[in-house]
Amino acid sequence: MRIHIHVVPWSKQQSVEKQGQDIYGHDVYKVKISEKPVDGAANRGAIEILSEFFKVPKRNISIVSGHTSREKIVEIM
């Protein structure tokens, strides 16, 4: 399953909120994380909170595109 996420780094509270769907039918989520966007820390934080939210191991989540952007496409296996 592929989802689109909007990452909000440096948040005081970590959370995942479903925002709806994009024009292609992919689910869109807002992911708030406490990590800074430095040296991939935000990407690792986003994967960690998504693994807790969807109850899958971190190894089953990968960022398909948007490694350096707040807008990312994530694949969950």
Protein backbone atom coordinates (compact mmCIF):
# COMPACT_ATOMS: atom_id res chain seq x y z
CA MET A 1 0.00 0.00 0.00
CA ARG A 2 1.30 3.46 -0.88
CA ILE A 3 0.39 6.55 1.08
CA HIS A 4 1.32 10.21 0.81
CA ILE A 5 2.53 11.93 3.96
CA HIS A 6 3.21 15.50 4.96
CA VAL A 7 5.92 15.56 7.63
CA VAL A 8 5.92 18.28 10.30
CA PRO A 9 9.30 18.15 12.08
CA TRP A 10 10.09 19.69 15.50
CA SER A 11 6.56 19.10 16.83
CA LYS A 12 5.99 18.95 20.57
CA GLN A 13 3.60 16.02 20.21
CA GLN A 14 4.08 13.12 17.80
CA SER A 15 1.00 12.00 15.91
CA VAL A 16 -0.40 10.62 12.67
CA GLU A 17 -3.63 12.11 11.30
CA LYS A 18 -5.48 11.03 8.18
CA GLN A 19 -6.20 14.05 5.98
CA GLY A 20 -8.21 12.35 3.22
CA GLN A 21 -7.24 11.24 -0.30
CA ASP A 22 -5.40 12.83 -3.20
CA ILE A 23 -6.71 12.96 -6.77
CA TYR A 24 -5.24 9.50 -7.47
CA GLY A 25 -7.02 7.83 -4.57
CA HIS A 26 -3.97 7.49 -2.29
CA ASP A 27 -4.52 8.19 1.38
CA VAL A 28 -2.87 11.37 2.69
CA TYR A 29 -1.60 11.60 6.28
CA LYS A 30 -0.06 14.38 8.35
CA VAL A 31 2.84 13.01 10.42
CA LYS A 32 4.09 15.13 13.30
CA ILE A 33 7.51 14.16 14.67
CA SER A 34 9.84 15.66 17.25
CA GLU A 35 13.06 15.06 15.29
CA LYS A 36 14.96 17.73 13.37
CA PRO A 37 15.24 17.44 9.58
CA VAL A 38 19.01 16.81 9.76
CA ASP A 39 20.96 13.80 8.46
CA GLY A 40 17.83 11.71 7.84
CA ALA A 41 16.61 11.91 11.45
CA ALA A 42 13.17 13.12 10.36
CA ASN A 43 12.83 10.24 7.88
CA ARG A 44 13.74 7.71 10.57
CA GLY A 45 11.29 9.36 12.97
CA ALA A 46 8.51 9.28 10.39
CA ILE A 47 9.11 5.58 9.69
CA GLU A 48 9.11 4.82 13.41
CA ILE A 49 5.81 6.56 14.14
CA LEU A 50 4.18 5.10 11.02
CA SER A 51 5.24 1.60 12.11
CA GLU A 52 3.51 2.15 15.46
CA PHE A 53 0.40 3.62 13.81
CA PHE A 54 -0.04 0.83 11.24
CA LYS A 55 1.31 -1.89 13.58
CA VAL A 56 3.94 -3.18 11.15
CA PRO A 57 7.70 -3.60 11.61
CA LYS A 58 9.89 -0.66 10.57
CA ARG A 59 11.59 -2.85 7.96
CA ASN A 60 8.26 -3.07 6.08
CA ILE A 61 8.08 0.70 5.57
CA SER A 62 10.15 2.52 2.95
CA ILE A 63 10.20 6.03 1.55
CA VAL A 64 9.66 5.83 -2.21
CA SER A 65 10.12 9.52 -3.00
CA GLY A 66 10.61 12.81 -1.20
CA HIS A 67 13.64 11.92 0.92
CA THR A 68 14.55 15.61 1.33
CA SER A 69 11.04 17.04 1.18
CA ARG A 70 8.21 17.32 3.67
CA GLU A 71 5.92 15.72 1.09
CA LYS A 72 6.76 12.02 0.80
CA ILE A 73 5.38 8.87 -0.76
CA VAL A 74 5.72 5.90 1.58
CA GLU A 75 5.22 2.23 0.79
CA ILE A 76 3.96 -0.06 3.54
CA MET A 77 4.27 -3.80 2.92
